[in-house]
């Protein structure tokens, strides 16, 4: 039996072509891009994940206990107090908490932080009560890193909360003269 070489070539051609995969269109998968003119893979960097919003429950020490503050547009009104507490269910690290007065000066306080399974409890005991009629800013931001972090590796935006103390504005006393300096008479 004799086989024509043309028929054998055709059978071989069909066998070779049927074993080749079909041509695929370019695809994008998990940040990789495949280009048809040869395979070129490139990682598409979407940048860091967006920062999460950190929520706190803020309470003020009042006569007979503590009262939770209600923030409207980032500002809460409260009576004069000598202590504040912040709690969050997030176990933060690399953070700091500061209270600033109306002149953007840090307010003297004795602070304590307690980290537990329930999250963070931070207490601020003020050296003197907040002044009536004044505005303060409570700031939680990162201490060393670019942003606040938690034990799970998530990152958070800084927190800035306004406090407005109810009551009549009491003006600051005039500055005291330094000892040893006398006013010149003209």
C-alpha atoms as a PDB file:
ATOM      1  CA  UNK A   1       0.000   0.000   0.000  1.00  0.00           C
ATOM      2  CA  UNK A   2       1.362   3.298  -1.059  1.00  0.00           C
ATOM      3  CA  UNK A   3       0.548   6.611   0.702  1.00  0.00           C
ATOM      4  CA  UNK A   4       0.655   9.848  -1.180  1.00  0.00           C
ATOM      5  CA  UNK A   5       3.151  12.243   0.430  1.00  0.00           C
ATOM      6  CA  UNK A   6       0.678  15.107   0.076  1.00  0.00           C
ATOM      7  CA  UNK A   7      -1.977  13.303   2.100  1.00  0.00           C
ATOM      8  CA  UNK A   8       0.602  12.499   4.799  1.00  0.00           C
ATOM      9  CA  UNK A   9       1.713  16.132   4.959  1.00  0.00           C
ATOM     10  CA  UNK A  10      -1.893  17.267   5.294  1.00  0.00           C
ATOM     11  CA  UNK A  11      -2.551  14.792   8.148  1.00  0.00           C
ATOM     12  CA  UNK A  12       0.646  15.913   9.863  1.00  0.00           C
ATOM     13  CA  UNK A  13      -0.304  19.574   9.409  1.00  0.00           C
ATOM     14  CA  UNK A  14      -3.756  19.007  10.945  1.00  0.00           C
ATOM     15  CA  UNK A  15      -2.189  17.165  13.883  1.00  0.00           C
ATOM     16  CA  UNK A  16       0.317  19.949  14.519  1.00  0.00           C
ATOM     17  CA  UNK A  17      -2.259  22.719  14.212  1.00  0.00           C
ATOM     18  CA  UNK A  18      -4.805  20.966  16.428  1.00  0.00           C
ATOM     19  CA  UNK A  19      -2.218  20.745  19.229  1.00  0.00           C
ATOM     20  CA  UNK A  20      -1.553  24.530  19.201  1.00  0.00           C
ATOM     21  CA  UNK A  21      -3.520  26.608  21.628  1.00  0.00           C
ATOM     22  CA  UNK A  22      -5.903  29.155  20.218  1.00  0.00           C
ATOM     23  CA  UNK A  23      -4.731  32.754  20.215  1.00  0.00           C
ATOM     24  CA  UNK A  24      -5.797  34.583  23.423  1.00  0.00           C
ATOM     25  CA  UNK A  25      -6.851  38.214  23.563  1.00  0.00           C
ATOM     26  CA  UNK A  26      -4.878  40.455  25.932  1.00  0.00           C
ATOM     27  CA  UNK A  27      -6.125  40.189  29.508  1.00  0.00           C
ATOM     28  CA  UNK A  28      -5.632  42.033  32.790  1.00  0.00           C
ATOM     29  CA  UNK A  29      -5.459  39.797  35.836  1.00  0.00           C
ATOM     30  CA  UNK A  30      -4.505  40.862  39.398  1.00  0.00           C
ATOM     31  CA  UNK A  31      -2.381  43.730  38.192  1.00  0.00           C
ATOM     32  CA  UNK A  32      -0.619  41.819  35.371  1.00  0.00           C
ATOM     33  CA  UNK A  33      -1.051  42.852  31.747  1.00  0.00           C
ATOM     34  CA  UNK A  34      -0.397  40.511  28.818  1.00  0.00           C
ATOM     35  CA  UNK A  35       0.440  42.080  25.476  1.00  0.00           C
ATOM     36  CA  UNK A  36      -0.130  40.216  22.195  1.00  0.00           C
ATOM     37  CA  UNK A  37       3.234  41.081  20.537  1.00  0.00           C
ATOM     38  CA  UNK A  38       5.038  38.629  22.784  1.00  0.00           C
ATOM     39  CA  UNK A  39       4.261  38.246  26.443  1.00  0.00           C
ATOM     40  CA  UNK A  40       5.159  41.294  28.506  1.00  0.00           C
ATOM     41  CA  UNK A  41       4.024  41.271  32.109  1.00  0.00           C
ATOM     42  CA  UNK A  42       3.985  44.422  34.165  1.00  0.00           C
ATOM     43  CA  UNK A  43       2.798  45.004  37.707  1.00  0.00           C
ATOM     44  CA  UNK A  44       0.248  47.801  37.939  1.00  0.00           C
ATOM     45  CA  UNK A  45       0.764  49.544  41.290  1.00  0.00           C
ATOM     46  CA  UNK A  46      -2.473  50.870  42.717  1.00  0.00           C
ATOM     47  CA  UNK A  47      -0.570  52.575  45.552  1.00  0.00           C
ATOM     48  CA  UNK A  48      -1.088  52.027  49.238  1.00  0.00           C
ATOM     49  CA  UNK A  49      -4.548  51.121  50.488  1.00  0.00           C
ATOM     50  CA  UNK A  50      -6.656  54.077  51.595  1.00  0.00           C
ATOM     51  CA  UNK A  51      -6.376  55.098  55.255  1.00  0.00           C
ATOM     52  CA  UNK A  52      -9.232  53.975  57.476  1.00  0.00           C
ATOM     53  CA  UNK A  53     -11.262  56.297  59.673  1.00  0.00           C
ATOM     54  CA  UNK A  54     -10.630  55.845  63.383  1.00  0.00           C
ATOM     55  CA  UNK A  55     -13.640  56.235  65.687  1.00  0.00           C
ATOM     56  CA  UNK A  56     -13.421  57.145  69.394  1.00  0.00           C
ATOM     57  CA  UNK A  57     -15.914  57.455  72.204  1.00  0.00           C
ATOM     58  CA  UNK A  58     -14.884  60.572  74.111  1.00  0.00           C
ATOM     59  CA  UNK A  59     -16.146  61.192  77.630  1.00  0.00           C
ATOM     60  CA  UNK A  60     -15.611  64.141  79.965  1.00  0.00           C
ATOM     61  CA  UNK A  61     -15.239  63.873  83.718  1.00  0.00           C
ATOM     62  CA  UNK A  62     -18.200  65.621  85.344  1.00  0.00           C
ATOM     63  CA  UNK A  63     -19.468  65.936  88.881  1.00  0.00           C
ATOM     64  CA  UNK A  64     -20.744  62.499  89.767  1.00  0.00           C
ATOM     65  CA  UNK A  65     -19.233  60.588  86.837  1.00  0.00           C
ATOM     66  CA  UNK A  66     -18.512  60.848  83.156  1.00  0.00           C
ATOM     67  CA  UNK A  67     -20.625  62.071  80.260  1.00  0.00           C
ATOM     68  CA  UNK A  68     -20.189  60.946  76.646  1.00  0.00           C
ATOM     69  CA  UNK A  69     -19.615  63.828  74.245  1.00  0.00           C
ATOM     70  CA  UNK A  70     -21.658  64.153  71.080  1.00  0.00           C
ATOM     71  CA  UNK A  71     -19.700  65.505  68.124  1.00  0.00           C
ATOM     72  CA  UNK A  72     -21.540  67.441  65.441  1.00  0.00           C
ATOM     73  CA  UNK A  73     -19.375  68.285  62.424  1.00  0.00           C
ATOM     74  CA  UNK A  74     -16.303  67.292  64.462  1.00  0.00           C
ATOM     75  CA  UNK A  75     -17.057  69.618  67.431  1.00  0.00           C
ATOM     76  CA  UNK A  76     -18.588  68.839  70.840  1.00  0.00           C
ATOM     77  CA  UNK A  77     -19.824  71.280  73.456  1.00  0.00           C
ATOM     78  CA  UNK A  78     -19.115  70.483  77.084  1.00  0.00           C
ATOM     79  CA  UNK A  79     -18.971  72.033  80.513  1.00  0.00           C
ATOM     80  CA  UNK A  80     -15.567  72.768  82.003  1.00  0.00           C
ATOM     81  CA  UNK A  81     -13.826  69.546  82.973  1.00  0.00           C
ATOM     82  CA  UNK A  82     -10.574  68.375  84.485  1.00  0.00           C
ATOM     83  CA  UNK A  83     -10.454  65.039  82.658  1.00  0.00           C
ATOM     84  CA  UNK A  84     -11.196  63.357  79.348  1.00  0.00           C
ATOM     85  CA  UNK A  85     -11.243  59.717  78.273  1.00  0.00           C
ATOM     86  CA  UNK A  86     -11.002  58.220  74.794  1.00  0.00           C
ATOM     87  CA  UNK A  87     -11.868  54.612  73.993  1.00  0.00           C
ATOM     88  CA  UNK A  88     -11.730  52.647  70.765  1.00  0.00           C
ATOM     89  CA  UNK A  89     -12.037  48.912  70.052  1.00  0.00           C
ATOM     90  CA  UNK A  90      -8.874  49.159  67.923  1.00  0.00           C
ATOM     91  CA  UNK A  91      -5.565  48.056  69.482  1.00  0.00           C
ATOM     92  CA  UNK A  92      -3.451  50.998  68.292  1.00  0.00           C
ATOM     93  CA  UNK A  93       0.318  51.330  68.243  1.00  0.00           C
ATOM     94  CA  UNK A  94       2.574  54.232  67.206  1.00  0.00           C
ATOM     95  CA  UNK A  95       0.092  56.926  68.163  1.00  0.00           C
ATOM     96  CA  UNK A  96       0.006  59.955  70.433  1.00  0.00           C
ATOM     97  CA  UNK A  97      -2.861  61.903  71.960  1.00  0.00           C
ATOM     98  CA  UNK A  98      -2.579  65.627  72.614  1.00  0.00           C
ATOM     99  CA  UNK A  99      -4.947  68.384  73.683  1.00  0.00           C
ATOM    100  CA  UNK A 100      -4.281  71.872  72.291  1.00  0.00           C
ATOM    101  CA  UNK A 101      -5.748  75.140  73.534  1.00  0.00           C
ATOM    102  CA  UNK A 102      -7.136  78.057  71.493  1.00  0.00           C
ATOM    103  CA  UNK A 103      -3.559  79.382  70.977  1.00  0.00           C
ATOM    104  CA  UNK A 104      -2.437  75.986  69.608  1.00  0.00           C
ATOM    105  CA  UNK A 105      -0.386  75.285  72.745  1.00  0.00           C
ATOM    106  CA  UNK A 106      -0.318  71.803  74.293  1.00  0.00           C
ATOM    107  CA  UNK A 107      -2.377  71.625  77.479  1.00  0.00           C
ATOM    108  CA  UNK A 108      -0.536  70.250  80.540  1.00  0.00           C
ATOM    109  CA  UNK A 109      -1.899  66.868  81.584  1.00  0.00           C
ATOM    110  CA  UNK A 110      -1.078  63.512  83.124  1.00  0.00           C
ATOM    111  CA  UNK A 111      -2.056  60.806  80.619  1.00  0.00           C
ATOM    112  CA  UNK A 112      -2.421  57.046  80.949  1.00  0.00           C
ATOM    113  CA  UNK A 113      -3.114  54.439  78.274  1.00  0.00           C
ATOM    114  CA  UNK A 114      -4.408  50.909  78.748  1.00  0.00           C
ATOM    115  CA  UNK A 115      -4.346  48.377  75.931  1.00  0.00           C
ATOM    116  CA  UNK A 116      -6.551  45.311  76.415  1.00  0.00           C
ATOM    117  CA  UNK A 117      -8.482  42.765  74.365  1.00  0.00           C
ATOM    118  CA  UNK A 118     -11.308  45.336  74.285  1.00  0.00           C
ATOM    119  CA  UNK A 119      -9.053  47.911  72.565  1.00  0.00           C
ATOM    120  CA  UNK A 120      -7.492  51.156  73.778  1.00  0.00           C
ATOM    121  CA  UNK A 121      -8.602  53.208  76.792  1.00  0.00           C
ATOM    122  CA  UNK A 122      -6.769  56.548  77.087  1.00  0.00           C
ATOM    123  CA  UNK A 123      -7.276  58.935  80.021  1.00  0.00           C
ATOM    124  CA  UNK A 124      -6.236  62.593  80.210  1.00  0.00           C
ATOM    125  CA  UNK A 125      -6.087  64.179  83.680  1.00  0.00           C
ATOM    126  CA  UNK A 126      -5.696  67.922  83.168  1.00  0.00           C
ATOM    127  CA  UNK A 127      -3.420  70.031  85.378  1.00  0.00           C
ATOM    128  CA  UNK A 128      -6.236  72.598  85.563  1.00  0.00           C
ATOM    129  CA  UNK A 129      -9.837  72.554  84.300  1.00  0.00           C
ATOM    130  CA  UNK A 130     -10.629  73.680  80.775  1.00  0.00           C
ATOM    131  CA  UNK A 131     -11.466  77.393  80.593  1.00  0.00           C
ATOM    132  CA  UNK A 132     -15.037  78.427  79.883  1.00  0.00           C
ATOM    133  CA  UNK A 133     -15.825  80.077  76.566  1.00  0.00           C
ATOM    134  CA  UNK A 134     -12.690  78.624  74.968  1.00  0.00           C
ATOM    135  CA  UNK A 135     -12.080  76.146  72.150  1.00  0.00           C
ATOM    136  CA  UNK A 136      -9.701  73.211  72.341  1.00  0.00           C
ATOM    137  CA  UNK A 137      -8.571  70.580  69.840  1.00  0.00           C
ATOM    138  CA  UNK A 138      -8.061  66.928  70.689  1.00  0.00           C
ATOM    139  CA  UNK A 139      -5.544  65.350  68.283  1.00  0.00           C
ATOM    140  CA  UNK A 140      -4.672  61.672  67.780  1.00  0.00           C
ATOM    141  CA  UNK A 141      -1.864  61.213  65.276  1.00  0.00           C
ATOM    142  CA  UNK A 142       1.117  58.992  64.512  1.00  0.00           C
ATOM    143  CA  UNK A 143       4.095  59.345  66.809  1.00  0.00           C
ATOM    144  CA  UNK A 144       6.897  58.053  64.563  1.00  0.00           C
ATOM    145  CA  UNK A 145       5.433  56.535  61.382  1.00  0.00           C
ATOM    146  CA  UNK A 146       3.631  58.452  58.627  1.00  0.00           C
ATOM    147  CA  UNK A 147       0.250  57.240  59.897  1.00  0.00           C
ATOM    148  CA  UNK A 148      -1.375  55.595  62.908  1.00  0.00           C
ATOM    149  CA  UNK A 149      -1.244  51.791  62.849  1.00  0.00           C
ATOM    150  CA  UNK A 150      -2.837  48.894  64.664  1.00  0.00           C
ATOM    151  CA  UNK A 151      -1.717  45.372  65.524  1.00  0.00           C
ATOM    152  CA  UNK A 152      -3.448  43.942  62.441  1.00  0.00           C
ATOM    153  CA  UNK A 153      -1.369  46.137  60.110  1.00  0.00           C
ATOM    154  CA  UNK A 154      -4.169  48.547  59.168  1.00  0.00           C
ATOM    155  CA  UNK A 155      -3.452  52.279  58.912  1.00  0.00           C
ATOM    156  CA  UNK A 156      -5.645  55.194  59.974  1.00  0.00           C
ATOM    157  CA  UNK A 157      -6.095  58.887  59.275  1.00  0.00           C
ATOM    158  CA  UNK A 158      -5.209  61.365  61.999  1.00  0.00           C
ATOM    159  CA  UNK A 159      -8.115  62.401  64.219  1.00  0.00           C
ATOM    160  CA  UNK A 160      -8.855  66.051  65.082  1.00  0.00           C
ATOM    161  CA  UNK A 161     -11.837  66.747  67.328  1.00  0.00           C
ATOM    162  CA  UNK A 162     -12.959  70.188  68.442  1.00  0.00           C
ATOM    163  CA  UNK A 163     -14.104  70.922  71.988  1.00  0.00           C
ATOM    164  CA  UNK A 164     -16.024  74.099  72.876  1.00  0.00           C
ATOM    165  CA  UNK A 165     -16.370  74.773  76.581  1.00  0.00           C
ATOM    166  CA  UNK A 166     -19.718  76.289  77.528  1.00  0.00           C
ATOM    167  CA  UNK A 167     -19.864  79.446  79.597  1.00  0.00           C
ATOM    168  CA  UNK A 168     -18.681  83.031  79.676  1.00  0.00           C
ATOM    169  CA  UNK A 169     -15.301  83.749  78.093  1.00  0.00           C
ATOM    170  CA  UNK A 170     -12.856  84.654  80.836  1.00  0.00           C
ATOM    171  CA  UNK A 171     -10.032  86.797  79.474  1.00  0.00           C
ATOM    172  CA  UNK A 172      -6.470  85.728  80.134  1.00  0.00           C
ATOM    173  CA  UNK A 173      -4.704  87.642  82.904  1.00  0.00           C
ATOM    174  CA  UNK A 174      -2.115  90.164  81.718  1.00  0.00           C
ATOM    175  CA  UNK A 175       1.425  88.808  81.533  1.00  0.00           C
ATOM    176  CA  UNK A 176       3.498  89.280  84.654  1.00  0.00           C
ATOM    177  CA  UNK A 177       6.650  91.375  84.481  1.00  0.00           C
ATOM    178  CA  UNK A 178       9.862  89.429  84.808  1.00  0.00           C
ATOM    179  CA  UNK A 179      11.776  90.076  88.046  1.00  0.00           C
ATOM    180  CA  UNK A 180      14.711  92.464  87.729  1.00  0.00           C
ATOM    181  CA  UNK A 181      13.223  94.458  84.864  1.00  0.00           C
ATOM    182  CA  UNK A 182      11.716  97.819  85.528  1.00  0.00           C
ATOM    183  CA  UNK A 183       9.609  99.868  83.197  1.00  0.00           C
ATOM    184  CA  UNK A 184      11.391 102.931  81.857  1.00  0.00           C
ATOM    185  CA  UNK A 185       9.836 106.293  82.520  1.00  0.00           C
ATOM    186  CA  UNK A 186       9.963 108.810  79.783  1.00  0.00           C
END
